Amino acid sequence: MQTCSRCNKQSPDTAQICSRCGSDLTQFSTVAVALAKMRANSRVSMIRVAVNHDCCPACAAAQGAHPKDDVPILPIEGCSGANGCRCHYEPVLTQIYP
């Protein structure tokens, strides 16, 4: 499931448009917004795709740290998890404190 950052409506992984407010989920899902913020942050050197211990093979293949411009888009295409894609992004920081 993915969540619209504008109206908080949950939609299936395959949805591209929010059924409540009509927002483009490729830009305005909570995961897409988080990715954009991480990419814009100069202290983030890489972005890690974190997966659950019982993830599907497609998600397991995406696991790990990726360069900011080459991060797999969530939800992972081809995810076969019973509850949909449960992956999330984590920043890899170059510095922790200013």
N, C-alpha and C. Protein backbone atom coordinates (compact mmCIF):
# COMPACT_ATOMS: atom_id res chain seq x y z
N MET A 1 0.84 -1.18 0.00
CA MET A 1 0.00 0.00 0.00
C MET A 1 0.88 1.24 0.00
N GLN A 2 0.43 2.24 -0.70
CA GLN A 2 1.11 3.53 -0.68
C GLN A 2 0.14 4.59 -0.18
N THR A 3 0.69 5.63 0.42
CA THR A 3 -0.12 6.67 1.04
C THR A 3 0.10 8.00 0.34
N CYS A 4 -0.97 8.69 0.03
CA CYS A 4 -0.90 10.01 -0.59
C CYS A 4 -0.44 11.01 0.47
N SER A 5 0.57 11.81 0.14
CA SER A 5 1.08 12.80 1.09
C SER A 5 0.16 14.01 1.21
N ARG A 6 -0.78 14.16 0.32
CA ARG A 6 -1.68 15.32 0.34
C ARG A 6 -2.96 15.06 1.13
N CYS A 7 -3.51 13.85 1.04
CA CYS A 7 -4.78 13.59 1.71
C CYS A 7 -4.75 12.36 2.63
N ASN A 8 -3.63 11.66 2.69
CA ASN A 8 -3.44 10.47 3.54
C ASN A 8 -4.26 9.26 3.12
N LYS A 9 -4.80 9.24 1.94
CA LYS A 9 -5.55 8.09 1.44
C LYS A 9 -4.58 6.99 1.04
N GLN A 10 -4.83 5.76 1.46
CA GLN A 10 -4.01 4.63 1.05
C GLN A 10 -4.54 4.06 -0.25
N SER A 11 -3.59 3.67 -1.11
CA SER A 11 -3.92 3.11 -2.41
C SER A 11 -3.08 1.87 -2.65
N PRO A 12 -3.52 0.97 -3.51
CA PRO A 12 -2.72 -0.21 -3.83
C PRO A 12 -1.39 0.19 -4.49
N ASP A 13 -0.40 -0.69 -4.42
CA ASP A 13 0.91 -0.43 -5.02
C ASP A 13 0.82 -0.11 -6.50
N THR A 14 -0.16 -0.64 -7.18
CA THR A 14 -0.27 -0.46 -8.63
C THR A 14 -0.93 0.87 -9.01
N ALA A 15 -1.53 1.57 -8.06
CA ALA A 15 -2.21 2.84 -8.36
C ALA A 15 -1.19 3.93 -8.68
N GLN A 16 -1.51 4.76 -9.65
CA GLN A 16 -0.65 5.89 -9.99
C GLN A 16 -1.30 7.21 -9.66
N ILE A 17 -2.60 7.20 -9.45
CA ILE A 17 -3.36 8.41 -9.12
C ILE A 17 -4.15 8.14 -7.84
N CYS A 18 -4.13 9.10 -6.92
CA CYS A 18 -4.89 8.98 -5.68
C CYS A 18 -6.38 9.05 -6.00
N SER A 19 -7.14 8.08 -5.50
CA SER A 19 -8.58 8.04 -5.80
C SER A 19 -9.36 9.12 -5.05
N ARG A 20 -8.78 9.69 -4.00
CA ARG A 20 -9.49 10.73 -3.25
C ARG A 20 -9.23 12.13 -3.81
N CYS A 21 -7.96 12.48 -3.98
CA CYS A 21 -7.66 13.88 -4.37
C CYS A 21 -7.10 14.01 -5.78
N GLY A 22 -6.81 12.89 -6.46
CA GLY A 22 -6.34 12.94 -7.83
C GLY A 22 -4.86 13.25 -7.99
N SER A 23 -4.10 13.24 -6.90
CA SER A 23 -2.66 13.51 -6.98
C SER A 23 -1.91 12.39 -7.66
N ASP A 24 -0.84 12.75 -8.35
CA ASP A 24 0.03 11.78 -8.99
C ASP A 24 0.88 11.12 -7.92
N LEU A 25 0.66 9.83 -7.65
CA LEU A 25 1.36 9.14 -6.57
C LEU A 25 2.84 8.91 -6.87
N THR A 26 3.24 9.01 -8.14
CA THR A 26 4.67 8.89 -8.43
C THR A 26 5.42 10.10 -7.91
N GLN A 27 4.72 11.21 -7.64
CA GLN A 27 5.32 12.41 -7.09
C GLN A 27 4.88 12.70 -5.67
N PHE A 28 3.66 12.34 -5.32
CA PHE A 28 3.09 12.78 -4.06
C PHE A 28 2.76 11.66 -3.08
N SER A 29 3.25 10.45 -3.30
CA SER A 29 3.12 9.44 -2.26
C SER A 29 4.12 9.81 -1.16
N THR A 30 3.89 9.35 0.04
CA THR A 30 4.80 9.69 1.13
C THR A 30 6.22 9.20 0.85
N VAL A 31 6.34 8.07 0.18
CA VAL A 31 7.66 7.52 -0.15
C VAL A 31 8.36 8.38 -1.20
N ALA A 32 7.63 8.84 -2.22
CA ALA A 32 8.22 9.69 -3.26
C ALA A 32 8.67 11.03 -2.69
N VAL A 33 7.89 11.59 -1.77
CA VAL A 33 8.25 12.85 -1.13
C VAL A 33 9.51 12.66 -0.28
N ALA A 34 9.58 11.56 0.46
CA ALA A 34 10.76 11.28 1.28
C ALA A 34 12.01 11.12 0.41
N LEU A 35 11.89 10.44 -0.73
CA LEU A 35 13.01 10.26 -1.63
C LEU A 35 13.49 11.60 -2.18
N ALA A 36 12.57 12.46 -2.55
CA ALA A 36 12.94 13.79 -3.08
C ALA A 36 13.68 14.60 -2.03
N LYS A 37 13.25 14.54 -0.78
CA LYS A 37 13.92 15.27 0.30
C LYS A 37 15.33 14.72 0.53
N MET A 38 15.48 13.41 0.50
CA MET A 38 16.81 12.81 0.69
C MET A 38 17.75 13.18 -0.45
N ARG A 39 17.24 13.16 -1.67
CA ARG A 39 18.07 13.53 -2.82
C ARG A 39 18.53 14.98 -2.73
N ALA A 40 17.70 15.86 -2.18
CA ALA A 40 18.02 17.28 -2.09
C ALA A 40 18.95 17.61 -0.92
N ASN A 41 19.08 16.71 0.02
CA ASN A 41 19.89 16.96 1.22
C ASN A 41 21.36 16.68 0.92
N SER A 42 22.21 17.68 1.08
CA SER A 42 23.63 17.53 0.77
C SER A 42 24.36 16.61 1.74
N ARG A 43 23.81 16.37 2.92
CA ARG A 43 24.45 15.47 3.88
C ARG A 43 24.17 14.00 3.60
N VAL A 44 23.22 13.73 2.72
CA VAL A 44 22.90 12.35 2.35
C VAL A 44 23.79 11.96 1.17
N SER A 45 24.65 10.96 1.39
CA SER A 45 25.57 10.55 0.33
C SER A 45 24.98 9.42 -0.53
N MET A 46 24.22 8.54 0.09
CA MET A 46 23.57 7.44 -0.62
C MET A 46 22.22 7.21 0.03
N ILE A 47 21.39 6.41 -0.62
CA ILE A 47 20.08 6.08 -0.08
C ILE A 47 19.95 4.57 -0.04
N ARG A 48 19.62 4.08 1.14
CA ARG A 48 19.50 2.64 1.36
C ARG A 48 18.03 2.22 1.21
N VAL A 49 17.82 1.11 0.50
CA VAL A 49 16.49 0.50 0.43
C VAL A 49 16.49 -0.58 1.51
N ALA A 50 15.63 -0.39 2.51
CA ALA A 50 15.51 -1.35 3.61
C ALA A 50 14.30 -2.23 3.35
N VAL A 51 14.47 -3.52 3.62
CA VAL A 51 13.40 -4.49 3.36
C VAL A 51 13.08 -5.26 4.65
N ASN A 52 11.91 -5.87 4.68
CA ASN A 52 11.54 -6.72 5.81
C ASN A 52 12.23 -8.07 5.70
N HIS A 53 12.31 -8.76 6.81
CA HIS A 53 13.00 -10.06 6.82
C HIS A 53 12.31 -11.10 5.94
N ASP A 54 11.02 -10.94 5.70
CA ASP A 54 10.28 -11.92 4.91
C ASP A 54 9.89 -11.36 3.53
N CYS A 55 10.75 -10.54 2.97
CA CYS A 55 10.43 -9.89 1.69
C CYS A 55 10.48 -10.87 0.52
N CYS A 56 9.92 -10.44 -0.58
CA CYS A 56 9.89 -11.24 -1.81
C CYS A 56 11.25 -11.13 -2.52
N PRO A 57 11.51 -11.96 -3.52
CA PRO A 57 12.78 -11.91 -4.24
C PRO A 57 13.05 -10.57 -4.95
N ALA A 58 12.01 -9.92 -5.47
CA ALA A 58 12.21 -8.63 -6.14
C ALA A 58 12.70 -7.57 -5.16
N CYS A 59 12.13 -7.54 -3.97
CA CYS A 59 12.55 -6.59 -2.95
C CYS A 59 13.93 -6.93 -2.41
N ALA A 60 14.22 -8.21 -2.25
CA ALA A 60 15.54 -8.63 -1.77
C ALA A 60 16.63 -8.18 -2.74
N ALA A 61 16.33 -8.19 -4.03
CA ALA A 61 17.32 -7.77 -5.03
C ALA A 61 17.59 -6.27 -4.96
N ALA A 62 16.62 -5.49 -4.49
CA ALA A 62 16.77 -4.03 -4.41
C ALA A 62 17.42 -3.58 -3.11
N GLN A 63 17.54 -4.47 -2.16
CA GLN A 63 18.07 -4.14 -0.84
C GLN A 63 19.49 -3.60 -0.93
N GLY A 64 19.80 -2.61 -0.08
CA GLY A 64 21.16 -2.10 0.01
C GLY A 64 21.23 -0.62 -0.30
N ALA A 65 22.45 -0.07 -0.23
CA ALA A 65 22.69 1.35 -0.47
C ALA A 65 22.90 1.61 -1.96
N HIS A 66 22.31 2.69 -2.45
CA HIS A 66 22.38 3.05 -3.86
C HIS A 66 22.79 4.51 -3.99
N PRO A 67 23.47 4.87 -5.08
CA PRO A 67 23.74 6.30 -5.34
C PRO A 67 22.42 7.06 -5.45
N LYS A 68 22.43 8.32 -5.06
CA LYS A 68 21.20 9.11 -5.01
C LYS A 68 20.46 9.16 -6.35
N ASP A 69 21.18 9.11 -7.46
CA ASP A 69 20.54 9.21 -8.77
C ASP A 69 20.19 7.84 -9.36
N ASP A 70 20.41 6.76 -8.60
CA ASP A 70 20.14 5.42 -9.12
C ASP A 70 19.41 4.56 -8.09
N VAL A 71 18.46 5.15 -7.39
CA VAL A 71 17.71 4.45 -6.35
C VAL A 71 16.48 3.80 -6.98
N PRO A 72 16.22 2.52 -6.67
CA PRO A 72 14.99 1.91 -7.18
C PRO A 72 13.76 2.64 -6.64
N ILE A 73 12.77 2.81 -7.48
CA ILE A 73 11.54 3.49 -7.09
C ILE A 73 10.66 2.52 -6.31
N LEU A 74 10.12 3.01 -5.20
CA LEU A 74 9.20 2.22 -4.39
C LEU A 74 7.77 2.61 -4.74
N PRO A 75 6.84 1.69 -4.76
CA PRO A 75 6.99 0.27 -4.51
C PRO A 75 7.79 -0.43 -5.61
N ILE A 76 8.53 -1.44 -5.22
CA ILE A 76 9.38 -2.19 -6.14
C ILE A 76 8.51 -2.86 -7.20
N GLU A 77 8.87 -2.62 -8.46
CA GLU A 77 8.14 -3.26 -9.56
C GLU A 77 8.37 -4.76 -9.48
N GLY A 78 7.29 -5.51 -9.58
CA GLY A 78 7.39 -6.97 -9.52
C GLY A 78 7.30 -7.53 -8.12
N CYS A 79 7.03 -6.67 -7.12
CA CYS A 79 6.91 -7.15 -5.74
C CYS A 79 5.75 -8.13 -5.66
N SER A 80 6.00 -9.26 -5.01
CA SER A 80 4.96 -10.27 -4.88
C SER A 80 4.56 -10.50 -3.42
N GLY A 81 4.87 -9.54 -2.57
CA GLY A 81 4.50 -9.65 -1.16
C GLY A 81 2.99 -9.69 -0.99
N ALA A 82 2.52 -10.50 -0.06
CA ALA A 82 1.08 -10.67 0.15
C ALA A 82 0.41 -9.35 0.55
N ASN A 83 1.14 -8.50 1.26
CA ASN A 83 0.58 -7.22 1.70
C ASN A 83 1.12 -6.05 0.88
N GLY A 84 1.68 -6.33 -0.27
CA GLY A 84 2.27 -5.28 -1.10
C GLY A 84 3.70 -5.00 -0.67
N CYS A 85 4.31 -4.04 -1.30
CA CYS A 85 5.70 -3.69 -1.03
C CYS A 85 5.80 -2.98 0.32
N ARG A 86 6.66 -3.50 1.19
CA ARG A 86 6.85 -2.89 2.51
C ARG A 86 8.25 -2.32 2.66
N CYS A 87 8.93 -2.09 1.57
CA CYS A 87 10.27 -1.50 1.61
C CYS A 87 10.17 -0.02 1.97
N HIS A 88 11.28 0.52 2.45
CA HIS A 88 11.34 1.96 2.70
C HIS A 88 12.76 2.45 2.50
N TYR A 89 12.91 3.78 2.41
CA TYR A 89 14.21 4.41 2.20
C TYR A 89 14.82 4.82 3.53
N GLU A 90 16.15 4.74 3.61
CA GLU A 90 16.90 5.24 4.75
C GLU A 90 18.08 6.03 4.19
N PRO A 91 18.37 7.20 4.76
CA PRO A 91 19.52 7.98 4.27
C PRO A 91 20.83 7.42 4.79
N VAL A 92 21.86 7.49 3.97
CA VAL A 92 23.23 7.21 4.40
C VAL A 92 23.89 8.58 4.49
N LEU A 93 24.26 9.00 5.69
CA LEU A 93 24.75 10.36 5.92
C LEU A 93 26.26 10.46 5.84
N THR A 94 26.76 11.60 5.32
CA THR A 94 28.18 11.87 5.30
C THR A 94 28.62 12.54 6.59
N GLN A 95 27.72 13.31 7.18
CA GLN A 95 27.97 13.92 8.48
C GLN A 95 26.69 13.91 9.29
N ILE A 96 26.83 13.69 10.58
CA ILE A 96 25.65 13.60 11.43
C ILE A 96 25.30 14.95 12.03
N TYR A 97 26.32 15.68 12.45
CA TYR A 97 26.09 16.99 13.08
C TYR A 97 26.69 18.09 12.22
N PRO A 98 26.06 19.28 12.25
CA PRO A 98 26.60 20.40 11.45
C PRO A 98 27.94 20.89 11.95
